[in-house]
Amino acid sequence: AFYAIVDGSRTGLSSRQLSLDLLSEMRVACAPGDTFGKVLDGGYVRISLASSDDDVAEGCRRIVTFAESHAA
């Protein structure tokens, strides 16, 4: 599978909280960055790219929308 690490640190949320909020508010499932090491805490999440191009693009748009509306 292919994955990407997304920097959502502008939100000021922990990786875990960012993952939970993205799921509840934007219906985007991702893994908290701190699951993959302490260096990725502080607003990083991992997304899967193993989907259709349209689904990945829509998920990315939702992440950007969330980050812009929650910028600290």
Protein backbone atom coordinates (compact mmCIF):
# COMPACT_ATOMS: atom_id res chain seq x y z
CA ALA A 1 0.00 0.00 0.00
CA PHE A 2 1.02 3.61 -0.44
CA TYR A 3 0.78 6.21 2.30
CA ALA A 4 1.51 9.89 2.80
CA ILE A 5 2.25 11.84 5.95
CA VAL A 6 0.22 15.05 6.10
CA ASP A 7 1.31 18.03 8.20
CA GLY A 8 -1.67 19.47 10.03
CA SER A 9 0.39 21.20 12.71
CA ARG A 10 -1.17 24.60 11.87
CA THR A 11 -4.30 23.37 13.64
CA GLY A 12 -2.50 23.21 16.97
CA LEU A 13 -4.04 19.79 17.61
CA SER A 14 -2.22 16.64 18.64
CA SER A 15 -2.01 13.96 15.99
CA ARG A 16 -4.54 11.84 17.80
CA GLN A 17 -7.05 14.68 18.23
CA LEU A 18 -6.57 15.75 14.61
CA SER A 19 -7.38 12.21 13.46
CA LEU A 20 -10.51 12.07 15.63
CA ASP A 21 -11.70 15.51 14.52
CA LEU A 22 -11.11 14.78 10.83
CA LEU A 23 -13.20 11.66 11.15
CA SER A 24 -16.07 13.27 13.05
CA GLU A 25 -16.18 16.61 11.21
CA MET A 26 -15.02 15.77 7.70
CA ARG A 27 -15.58 12.00 7.48
CA VAL A 28 -11.92 11.45 6.62
CA ALA A 29 -10.26 8.43 8.22
CA CYS A 30 -6.54 8.66 8.87
CA ALA A 31 -4.01 7.36 11.36
CA PRO A 32 -2.45 9.63 13.98
CA GLY A 33 1.17 10.38 13.23
CA ASP A 34 2.38 9.55 16.73
CA THR A 35 1.48 5.92 16.03
CA PHE A 36 4.55 5.88 13.79
CA GLY A 37 6.94 7.63 16.17
CA LYS A 38 7.07 10.50 18.60
CA VAL A 39 8.54 12.81 15.95
CA LEU A 40 5.19 12.73 14.11
CA ASP A 41 3.10 13.94 17.04
CA GLY A 42 1.94 17.52 16.94
CA GLY A 43 -0.53 17.43 14.10
CA TYR A 44 0.74 14.86 11.62
CA VAL A 45 -1.52 12.16 10.20
CA ARG A 46 -0.98 9.30 7.78
CA ILE A 47 -3.38 8.86 4.90
CA SER A 48 -3.70 5.94 2.54
CA LEU A 49 -3.32 6.53 -1.16
CA ALA A 50 -4.69 3.06 -2.01
CA SER A 51 -7.97 4.32 -3.41
CA SER A 52 -9.23 5.92 -6.58
CA ASP A 53 -7.66 9.20 -7.63
CA ASP A 54 -11.02 10.94 -7.14
CA ASP A 55 -11.41 9.63 -3.59
CA VAL A 56 -7.85 10.62 -2.64
CA ALA A 57 -8.35 14.10 -4.13
CA GLU A 58 -11.64 14.56 -2.25
CA GLY A 59 -10.05 13.42 1.01
CA CYS A 60 -7.20 15.86 0.53
CA ARG A 61 -9.64 18.71 -0.19
CA ARG A 62 -11.45 17.91 3.05
CA ILE A 63 -8.20 17.86 5.03
CA VAL A 64 -7.21 21.26 3.59
CA THR A 65 -10.67 22.69 4.36
CA PHE A 66 -10.42 21.43 7.93
CA ALA A 67 -6.88 22.78 8.39
CA GLU A 68 -7.83 26.20 7.03
CA SER A 69 -10.87 26.49 9.29
CA HIS A 70 -8.98 25.27 12.38
CA ALA A 71 -5.68 27.12 11.93
CA ALA A 72 -4.33 28.18 15.31
